[in-house]
Amino acid sequence: MKEDIMVSVLCTAYNHENFIRDAIEGVLEQKTNFRYELIIHDDASGDHTPKIITEYAERYKGIIRLVMQEKNQYQSCNIYPAFLFPKVRGKYIAFCEGDDYWTDEQKLQKQVDFLENHEDYVMCMHNAVKVNYETGEGVVLNTFPADGTYSQEKQILAGLGTDFPAFASYMVRAEFLKGIPEFFLASKVLDYPIRQYYANCGKVYYFKAPMSVYRVSTPQSYMKKVSENEFFYNNYAIEMIRFFENLNQYTGKKFNTVLECKIDSDYFGFCLSIPEQEGIDKAVQNGLDIGKVMKCYKCLFPGYLDSTIQEVCEKSSHIFIYGASRLAPVCKKQLEHAGISFEGFVVSEGQMKAGSIEGMKIYYLNEVIAKYGNPGFILAIQPINLGIVEKTLRRHGMKNYCQPYRI
């Protein structure tokens, strides 16, 4: 580590020609009283990204360093531990992937000042604006309610039933990467695992002020591939099951209830993304819990109808499916198979939503409450989200609902 470099900013790029300038400029515009470096890894992009970053590197030789791949490495390894972490020279590490960007020129200074003055903190992060690339819609993440220190339990919960803190908001102490257990670096998605590792190492601080933009649904986004490609989603679910099993053991099962709930959710994700017999075979090959797999498939069967659904329908003539993700169409088919009519789908206020699912309208909860006096809700959401949705319904005085999708 060179003592004159305070922060190493790590940036991964792949076919980001429409975004990479924003990411680089956001770093170069930082006003600091210390030196920082920007290390950009290009994973054999097929567009103009290599040309753009090379031009910047030539202009800012004292700041920008490049790692250029001739062959794509993403499918064979995790880019950060393989190519970026070994290049770090700074005391601290900050992140900004090629399709995100920083919006506050004081971001690095604020974070370094805090960590320099609080040696018992290993990490800090901040609020961000989430922008949907396809629609242009933007919302402030507001993962946490205010400036402050958030416990390891809070860090575990953040990103399970709520939005993740933006990866481009993270700053961590580089020294703690030495000896990090392998399972924290095994997943293709690094932001959640690395935050849990640091939360286990020491205190984590959060700045309420938004200082970056987090783009979602960009063409090369891994999470976009996960949402649109069943193969990616299925493998991602296996990755998450393994990660949370390991995290549960690593933390001495201190957070067993919530982590087991998350693991159950990922079992639903696994089964939702692969036909039953193929899923059973793959589960056996990967050492998954076959009992949980079979229970999930039972819940997902089109002819299945949990007894609690009928109870909700008996109390209201206006039934809604709460949720708009993968379980929602499953629930729709089950209701149709049972001859039960419903009004549409519901999501919580502030959630980004499409207009409809399979021809049925998606409403915000407030719209439904304002229009119908006694609506009933079938919670077609994964187990990890049940607690948050249940609190939301109770806060609005809604008592007629059921939770049929549990293991």
Protein backbone atom coordinates (compact mmCIF):
# COMPACT_ATOMS: atom_id res chain seq x y z
CA MET A 1 0.00 0.00 0.00
CA LYS A 2 1.33 3.42 -0.93
CA GLU A 3 0.78 5.88 1.89
CA ASP A 4 0.10 8.77 -0.48
CA ILE A 5 -3.02 7.08 -1.88
CA MET A 6 -5.90 7.43 0.57
CA VAL A 7 -8.70 5.86 -1.49
CA SER A 8 -8.75 3.28 -4.25
CA VAL A 9 -11.95 3.59 -6.27
CA LEU A 10 -12.87 0.35 -8.03
CA CYS A 11 -14.96 0.33 -11.19
CA THR A 12 -16.10 -2.68 -13.24
CA ALA A 13 -17.16 -2.05 -16.84
CA TYR A 14 -18.68 -4.19 -19.55
CA ASN A 15 -20.41 -2.72 -22.61
CA HIS A 16 -21.04 0.49 -20.69
CA GLU A 17 -20.35 2.98 -23.46
CA ASN A 18 -23.61 4.83 -22.67
CA PHE A 19 -22.80 5.15 -18.97
CA ILE A 20 -19.07 4.98 -18.30
CA ARG A 21 -18.38 8.68 -18.82
CA ASP A 22 -20.82 9.53 -16.03
CA ALA A 23 -19.10 7.06 -13.71
CA ILE A 24 -15.60 8.38 -14.48
CA GLU A 25 -16.57 12.05 -14.34
CA GLY A 26 -18.28 11.55 -10.99
CA VAL A 27 -14.97 10.28 -9.60
CA LEU A 28 -12.77 12.90 -11.27
CA GLU A 29 -14.97 15.72 -9.96
CA GLN A 30 -14.24 14.79 -6.35
CA LYS A 31 -12.75 17.60 -4.28
CA THR A 32 -10.43 16.14 -1.66
CA ASN A 33 -7.41 17.07 0.46
CA PHE A 34 -5.89 13.64 -0.27
CA ARG A 35 -4.89 11.57 -3.28
CA TYR A 36 -7.12 8.88 -4.70
CA GLU A 37 -6.90 6.49 -7.62
CA LEU A 38 -9.51 5.06 -9.98
CA ILE A 39 -8.94 1.47 -11.09
CA ILE A 40 -11.19 0.45 -13.99
CA HIS A 41 -11.58 -3.17 -15.06
CA ASP A 42 -12.95 -3.70 -18.56
CA ASP A 43 -14.14 -7.25 -19.14
CA ALA A 44 -13.50 -7.45 -22.90
CA SER A 45 -16.34 -5.10 -23.85
CA GLY A 46 -17.57 -5.39 -27.42
CA ASP A 47 -18.63 -1.74 -27.73
CA HIS A 48 -16.71 1.55 -27.36
CA THR A 49 -16.13 1.21 -23.61
CA PRO A 50 -12.40 0.25 -23.97
CA LYS A 51 -11.78 3.24 -26.24
CA ILE A 52 -13.49 5.64 -23.83
CA ILE A 53 -11.69 4.47 -20.71
CA THR A 54 -8.34 4.36 -22.51
CA GLU A 55 -8.77 8.00 -23.56
CA TYR A 56 -9.52 8.97 -19.96
CA ALA A 57 -6.54 6.98 -18.68
CA GLU A 58 -4.20 8.78 -21.06
CA ARG A 59 -5.50 12.17 -19.89
CA TYR A 60 -5.40 11.32 -16.17
CA LYS A 61 -2.29 9.16 -15.85
CA GLY A 62 -1.78 10.06 -12.21
CA ILE A 63 -5.26 8.95 -11.24
CA ILE A 64 -6.66 6.27 -13.56
CA ARG A 65 -5.26 2.76 -13.86
CA LEU A 66 -6.74 0.17 -16.21
CA VAL A 67 -7.13 -3.58 -16.14
CA MET A 68 -8.05 -4.59 -19.69
CA GLN A 69 -9.22 -8.09 -20.52
CA GLU A 70 -8.95 -9.64 -23.97
CA LYS A 71 -11.29 -12.48 -22.97
CA ASN A 72 -14.38 -12.09 -20.80
CA GLN A 73 -13.68 -13.25 -17.24
CA TYR A 74 -17.07 -12.76 -15.57
CA GLN A 75 -18.38 -16.28 -16.05
CA SER A 76 -15.23 -17.90 -14.70
CA CYS A 77 -14.53 -15.82 -11.59
CA ASN A 78 -15.51 -12.90 -9.39
CA ILE A 79 -13.81 -9.84 -10.87
CA TYR A 80 -13.12 -8.02 -7.60
CA PRO A 81 -11.01 -10.56 -5.71
CA ALA A 82 -9.42 -11.88 -8.90
CA PHE A 83 -8.34 -8.62 -10.54
CA LEU A 84 -9.21 -5.51 -8.51
CA PHE A 85 -8.54 -6.12 -4.83
CA PRO A 86 -4.89 -7.10 -5.55
CA LYS A 87 -4.39 -3.70 -7.25
CA VAL A 88 -5.57 -1.63 -4.29
CA ARG A 89 -3.04 0.85 -2.87
CA GLY A 90 -5.34 2.97 -0.75
CA LYS A 91 -6.19 2.83 2.92
CA TYR A 92 -9.84 2.80 1.93
CA ILE A 93 -11.79 1.29 -0.96
CA ALA A 94 -14.78 2.92 -2.67
CA PHE A 95 -16.90 1.41 -5.42
CA CYS A 96 -18.63 2.72 -8.53
CA GLU A 97 -19.69 0.23 -11.17
CA GLY A 98 -19.67 1.41 -14.76
CA ASP A 99 -23.40 2.07 -15.03
CA ASP A 100 -23.67 4.04 -11.77
CA TYR A 101 -22.28 7.46 -10.87
CA TRP A 102 -21.60 9.82 -7.97
CA THR A 103 -23.47 13.12 -7.67
CA ASP A 104 -21.75 14.82 -4.71
CA GLU A 105 -18.24 16.19 -5.27
CA GLN A 106 -17.61 15.95 -1.52
CA LYS A 107 -18.56 12.28 -1.27
CA LEU A 108 -15.06 10.87 -0.79
CA GLN A 109 -14.02 13.66 1.55
CA LYS A 110 -17.06 13.19 3.79
CA GLN A 111 -16.57 9.46 4.03
CA VAL A 112 -12.82 9.61 4.62
CA ASP A 113 -13.25 12.32 7.26
CA PHE A 114 -15.73 10.15 9.11
CA LEU A 115 -13.62 7.00 9.03
CA GLU A 116 -10.44 8.87 9.94
CA ASN A 117 -12.19 10.28 13.00
CA HIS A 118 -13.91 7.06 14.04
CA GLU A 119 -11.43 4.20 14.17
CA ASP A 120 -14.02 1.73 15.47
CA TYR A 121 -15.98 2.00 12.22
CA VAL A 122 -14.98 -0.31 9.39
CA MET A 123 -17.38 0.96 6.74
CA CYS A 124 -19.68 3.81 5.82
CA MET A 125 -22.26 4.29 3.09
CA HIS A 126 -24.92 6.76 2.02
CA ASN A 127 -28.33 7.17 0.47
CA ALA A 128 -28.79 7.09 -3.32
CA VAL A 129 -31.32 7.67 -6.06
CA LYS A 130 -32.46 4.53 -7.87
CA VAL A 131 -33.20 5.22 -11.54
CA ASN A 132 -34.92 2.77 -13.85
CA TYR A 133 -33.00 2.97 -17.11
CA GLU A 134 -35.96 1.73 -19.16
CA THR A 135 -38.60 4.11 -17.78
CA GLY A 136 -36.51 7.00 -16.46
CA GLU A 137 -38.38 6.78 -13.15
CA GLY A 138 -36.30 7.68 -10.12
CA VAL A 139 -36.87 7.17 -6.40
CA VAL A 140 -34.69 7.84 -3.37
CA LEU A 141 -33.73 4.52 -1.81
CA ASN A 142 -33.99 5.63 1.84
CA THR A 143 -32.75 2.24 3.04
CA PHE A 144 -32.35 3.66 6.54
CA PRO A 145 -34.36 6.54 8.05
CA ALA A 146 -31.57 8.87 9.23
CA ASP A 147 -27.83 9.46 9.66
CA GLY A 148 -26.45 7.00 12.11
CA THR A 149 -24.99 3.65 13.06
CA TYR A 150 -26.94 0.57 12.06
CA SER A 151 -26.37 -2.78 13.74
CA GLN A 152 -25.38 -6.02 12.10
CA GLU A 153 -28.97 -7.20 12.37
CA LYS A 154 -30.17 -4.05 10.59
CA GLN A 155 -27.54 -4.61 7.91
CA ILE A 156 -28.73 -8.16 7.38
CA LEU A 157 -32.33 -7.04 7.02
CA ALA A 158 -31.48 -4.17 4.64
CA GLY A 159 -31.71 -5.68 1.20
CA LEU A 160 -33.83 -8.68 2.13
CA GLY A 161 -37.24 -7.05 2.37
CA THR A 162 -36.12 -3.55 1.46
CA ASP A 163 -33.92 -1.96 -1.17
CA PHE A 164 -30.19 -2.61 -0.93
CA PRO A 165 -27.99 0.34 -0.03
CA ALA A 166 -26.34 1.29 -3.33
CA PHE A 167 -22.99 -0.38 -3.96
CA ALA A 168 -21.62 2.95 -5.22
CA SER A 169 -22.17 4.35 -1.74
CA TYR A 170 -19.78 1.96 0.03
CA MET A 171 -16.44 2.91 1.51
CA VAL A 172 -14.55 0.24 3.47
CA ARG A 173 -11.21 -0.14 5.23
CA ALA A 174 -8.95 -2.06 2.85
CA GLU A 175 -7.04 -3.84 5.61
CA PHE A 176 -10.04 -5.98 6.53
CA LEU A 177 -10.03 -7.73 3.17
CA LYS A 178 -7.03 -9.75 4.31
CA GLY A 179 -8.32 -13.12 5.40
CA ILE A 180 -11.92 -12.59 4.29
CA PRO A 181 -13.65 -16.00 4.12
CA GLU A 182 -14.05 -17.30 0.58
CA PHE A 183 -17.84 -17.60 0.71
CA PHE A 184 -18.24 -13.81 0.97
CA LEU A 185 -16.59 -13.49 -2.45
CA ALA A 186 -18.16 -16.48 -4.19
CA SER A 187 -21.31 -14.84 -5.51
CA LYS A 188 -21.46 -12.85 -8.75
CA VAL A 189 -23.30 -10.17 -6.75
CA LEU A 190 -20.80 -8.76 -4.25
CA ASP A 191 -22.56 -5.80 -2.63
CA TYR A 192 -24.72 -7.62 -0.08
CA PRO A 193 -22.12 -10.23 0.95
CA ILE A 194 -19.30 -7.75 1.45
CA ARG A 195 -21.53 -5.48 3.54
CA GLN A 196 -22.36 -8.41 5.80
CA TYR A 197 -18.68 -9.24 6.19
CA TYR A 198 -17.85 -5.68 7.25
CA ALA A 199 -20.89 -5.46 9.53
CA ASN A 200 -19.53 -8.53 11.30
CA CYS A 201 -16.10 -6.88 11.63
CA GLY A 202 -17.19 -3.60 13.24
CA LYS A 203 -19.50 -0.60 13.10
CA VAL A 204 -21.14 0.70 9.92
CA TYR A 205 -22.27 4.31 9.47
CA TYR A 206 -24.94 5.63 7.09
CA PHE A 207 -25.32 9.13 5.64
CA LYS A 208 -28.94 10.04 4.88
CA ALA A 209 -27.98 12.46 2.08
CA PRO A 210 -28.11 10.90 -1.43
CA MET A 211 -24.68 11.14 -3.06
CA SER A 212 -24.97 8.78 -6.03
CA VAL A 213 -27.29 7.35 -8.68
CA TYR A 214 -27.94 3.63 -8.89
CA ARG A 215 -29.19 2.61 -12.32
CA VAL A 216 -31.37 -0.49 -12.58
CA SER A 217 -32.54 -2.42 -15.68
CA THR A 218 -29.51 -1.43 -17.73
CA PRO A 219 -28.84 -3.82 -20.65
CA GLN A 220 -25.79 -5.58 -19.15
CA SER A 221 -26.97 -5.63 -15.54
CA TYR A 222 -26.57 -9.01 -13.87
CA MET A 223 -29.79 -8.46 -11.92
CA LYS A 224 -31.61 -7.69 -15.17
CA LYS A 225 -30.41 -11.02 -16.51
CA VAL A 226 -31.53 -12.65 -13.28
CA SER A 227 -35.01 -11.12 -13.63
CA GLU A 228 -35.41 -12.02 -17.30
CA ASN A 229 -33.52 -15.30 -17.71
CA GLU A 230 -34.70 -18.39 -15.83
CA PHE A 231 -31.29 -20.05 -16.05
CA PHE A 232 -29.56 -17.04 -14.47
CA TYR A 233 -32.24 -16.74 -11.83
CA ASN A 234 -32.06 -20.41 -10.93
CA ASN A 235 -28.28 -20.37 -10.52
CA TYR A 236 -28.51 -17.10 -8.59
CA ALA A 237 -31.00 -18.74 -6.20
CA ILE A 238 -28.52 -21.57 -5.55
CA GLU A 239 -25.75 -19.01 -4.94
CA MET A 240 -27.94 -17.20 -2.42
CA ILE A 241 -29.00 -20.37 -0.62
CA ARG A 242 -25.35 -21.33 -0.20
CA PHE A 243 -24.33 -17.83 0.88
CA PHE A 244 -27.02 -17.47 3.54
CA GLU A 245 -26.39 -20.97 4.87
CA ASN A 246 -22.72 -20.06 5.26
CA LEU A 247 -23.53 -16.65 6.76
CA ASN A 248 -25.81 -18.29 9.29
CA GLN A 249 -23.00 -20.60 10.40
CA TYR A 250 -20.40 -17.80 10.32
CA THR A 251 -22.48 -15.62 12.64
CA GLY A 252 -23.11 -18.50 15.05
CA LYS A 253 -26.81 -18.59 14.10
CA LYS A 254 -27.28 -15.32 15.96
CA PHE A 255 -29.67 -14.21 13.22
CA ASN A 256 -31.07 -17.66 12.52
CA THR A 257 -34.75 -16.70 12.28
CA VAL A 258 -34.34 -14.07 9.58
CA LEU A 259 -31.65 -15.98 7.68
CA GLU A 260 -33.70 -19.19 7.60
CA CYS A 261 -36.61 -17.12 6.31
CA LYS A 262 -34.38 -15.74 3.56
CA ILE A 263 -33.15 -19.23 2.71
CA ASP A 264 -36.77 -20.38 2.40
CA SER A 265 -37.42 -17.47 0.04
CA ASP A 266 -34.53 -18.53 -2.17
CA TYR A 267 -35.87 -22.07 -2.25
CA PHE A 268 -39.09 -20.62 -3.66
CA GLY A 269 -36.96 -18.69 -6.14
CA PHE A 270 -35.17 -21.88 -7.15
CA CYS A 271 -38.42 -23.79 -7.70
CA LEU A 272 -40.14 -20.92 -9.50
CA SER A 273 -37.40 -20.84 -12.12
CA ILE A 274 -37.17 -24.50 -13.12
CA PRO A 275 -39.71 -27.26 -13.96
CA GLU A 276 -40.40 -29.63 -11.08
CA GLN A 277 -38.61 -32.82 -12.15
CA GLU A 278 -35.65 -30.92 -13.54
CA GLY A 279 -35.55 -28.88 -10.34
CA ILE A 280 -35.58 -31.97 -8.14
CA ASP A 281 -32.72 -33.49 -10.13
CA LYS A 282 -30.71 -30.26 -9.96
CA ALA A 283 -31.41 -29.91 -6.24
CA VAL A 284 -30.02 -33.40 -5.64
CA GLN A 285 -26.93 -32.60 -7.74
CA ASN A 286 -26.31 -29.41 -5.74
CA GLY A 287 -27.02 -30.87 -2.31
CA LEU A 288 -30.08 -28.75 -1.61
CA ASP A 289 -32.71 -29.64 0.99
CA ILE A 290 -35.08 -31.91 -0.96
CA GLY A 291 -37.74 -31.61 1.73
CA LYS A 292 -37.90 -27.86 1.22
CA VAL A 293 -37.86 -28.24 -2.54
CA MET A 294 -40.84 -30.61 -2.45
CA LYS A 295 -42.81 -28.31 -0.12
CA CYS A 296 -42.19 -25.38 -2.47
CA TYR A 297 -43.38 -27.30 -5.51
CA LYS A 298 -46.52 -28.32 -3.62
CA CYS A 299 -47.29 -24.64 -2.91
CA LEU A 300 -46.68 -23.72 -6.56
CA PHE A 301 -48.87 -26.45 -8.10
CA PRO A 302 -51.70 -24.82 -10.16
CA GLY A 303 -54.31 -27.02 -8.47
CA TYR A 304 -53.12 -26.14 -4.97
CA LEU A 305 -55.21 -23.78 -2.82
CA ASP A 306 -54.19 -23.02 0.73
CA SER A 307 -57.12 -23.14 3.17
CA THR A 308 -56.44 -19.60 4.38
CA ILE A 309 -57.28 -18.21 0.93
CA GLN A 310 -60.86 -19.40 1.21
CA GLU A 311 -61.14 -17.79 4.65
CA VAL A 312 -60.09 -14.41 3.22
CA CYS A 313 -62.55 -14.75 0.33
CA GLU A 314 -65.42 -15.47 2.72
CA LYS A 315 -64.83 -12.14 4.49
CA SER A 316 -64.68 -9.90 1.43
CA SER A 317 -66.11 -9.67 -2.06
CA HIS A 318 -63.10 -7.63 -3.24
CA ILE A 319 -60.03 -9.85 -3.37
CA PHE A 320 -56.54 -8.68 -4.40
CA ILE A 321 -53.26 -10.49 -4.89
CA TYR A 322 -50.60 -8.59 -2.94
CA GLY A 323 -47.34 -8.72 -4.89
CA ALA A 324 -46.15 -8.29 -8.45
CA SER A 325 -43.18 -10.63 -8.72
CA ARG A 326 -42.87 -14.31 -9.61
CA LEU A 327 -45.38 -15.65 -7.10
CA ALA A 328 -48.15 -13.31 -8.27
CA PRO A 329 -48.89 -15.12 -11.59
CA VAL A 330 -48.74 -18.45 -9.73
CA CYS A 331 -51.39 -17.22 -7.31
CA LYS A 332 -53.49 -15.93 -10.21
CA LYS A 333 -53.51 -19.37 -11.85
CA GLN A 334 -54.44 -21.06 -8.58
CA LEU A 335 -57.36 -18.70 -8.00
CA GLU A 336 -58.57 -19.17 -11.56
CA HIS A 337 -58.30 -22.95 -11.22
CA ALA A 338 -60.43 -22.75 -8.06
CA GLY A 339 -62.97 -20.44 -9.72
CA ILE A 340 -62.17 -17.51 -7.42
CA SER A 341 -62.40 -14.05 -8.99
CA PHE A 342 -60.18 -11.17 -7.91
CA GLU A 343 -59.85 -7.47 -8.75
CA GLY A 344 -56.14 -7.22 -9.54
CA PHE A 345 -52.69 -6.97 -7.97
CA VAL A 346 -51.41 -4.64 -5.25
CA VAL A 347 -47.99 -3.26 -4.34
CA SER A 348 -46.88 -0.96 -1.53
CA GLU A 349 -46.56 2.78 -2.03
CA GLY A 350 -43.21 3.87 -3.43
CA GLN A 351 -42.56 0.62 -5.28
CA MET A 352 -41.84 0.81 -9.00
CA LYS A 353 -44.58 -1.03 -10.83
CA ALA A 354 -45.76 -2.00 -14.29
CA GLY A 355 -49.33 -1.29 -15.34
CA SER A 356 -50.56 -4.86 -15.29
CA ILE A 357 -49.76 -8.56 -14.94
CA GLU A 358 -51.28 -10.88 -17.54
CA GLY A 359 -53.96 -8.31 -18.29
CA MET A 360 -54.87 -7.58 -14.66
CA LYS A 361 -54.24 -4.09 -13.26
CA ILE A 362 -51.63 -3.39 -10.58
CA TYR A 363 -52.77 -0.94 -7.88
CA TYR A 364 -50.99 0.86 -5.11
CA LEU A 365 -52.31 -0.12 -1.68
CA ASN A 366 -53.67 3.37 -1.00
CA GLU A 367 -55.73 3.22 -4.20
CA VAL A 368 -57.38 -0.01 -3.09
CA ILE A 369 -58.11 1.20 0.44
CA ALA A 370 -59.63 4.44 -0.87
CA LYS A 371 -61.92 2.60 -3.31
CA TYR A 372 -62.98 -0.51 -1.40
CA GLY A 373 -64.28 -0.60 2.15
CA ASN A 374 -63.23 -4.11 3.10
CA PRO A 375 -60.68 -5.55 0.68
CA GLY A 376 -59.08 -8.96 1.18
CA PHE A 377 -55.45 -9.64 0.33
CA ILE A 378 -53.65 -12.84 -0.62
CA LEU A 379 -49.94 -12.23 0.01
CA ALA A 380 -48.21 -13.73 -3.03
CA ILE A 381 -44.77 -12.75 -1.82
CA GLN A 382 -41.73 -14.66 -0.67
CA PRO A 383 -41.42 -15.39 3.07
CA ILE A 384 -38.71 -12.78 3.70
CA ASN A 385 -41.09 -9.97 2.68
CA LEU A 386 -44.08 -11.12 4.71
CA GLY A 387 -43.19 -9.24 7.89
CA ILE A 388 -42.82 -5.88 6.18
CA VAL A 389 -46.03 -6.24 4.15
CA GLU A 390 -47.94 -7.41 7.20
CA LYS A 391 -46.82 -4.31 9.13
CA THR A 392 -47.87 -2.13 6.20
CA LEU A 393 -51.34 -3.68 6.12
CA ARG A 394 -51.81 -3.36 9.86
CA ARG A 395 -50.70 0.25 9.76
CA HIS A 396 -53.57 0.88 7.33
CA GLY A 397 -56.01 -1.05 9.49
CA MET A 398 -56.23 -3.99 7.11
CA LYS A 399 -56.84 -7.31 8.88
CA ASN A 400 -58.27 -9.55 6.18
CA TYR A 401 -55.24 -11.17 4.57
CA CYS A 402 -53.46 -14.51 4.39
CA GLN A 403 -49.90 -15.76 3.84
CA PRO A 404 -50.18 -19.01 1.84
CA TYR A 405 -46.61 -19.25 0.52
CA ARG A 406 -44.54 -20.64 3.37
CA ILE A 407 -42.36 -23.70 3.80
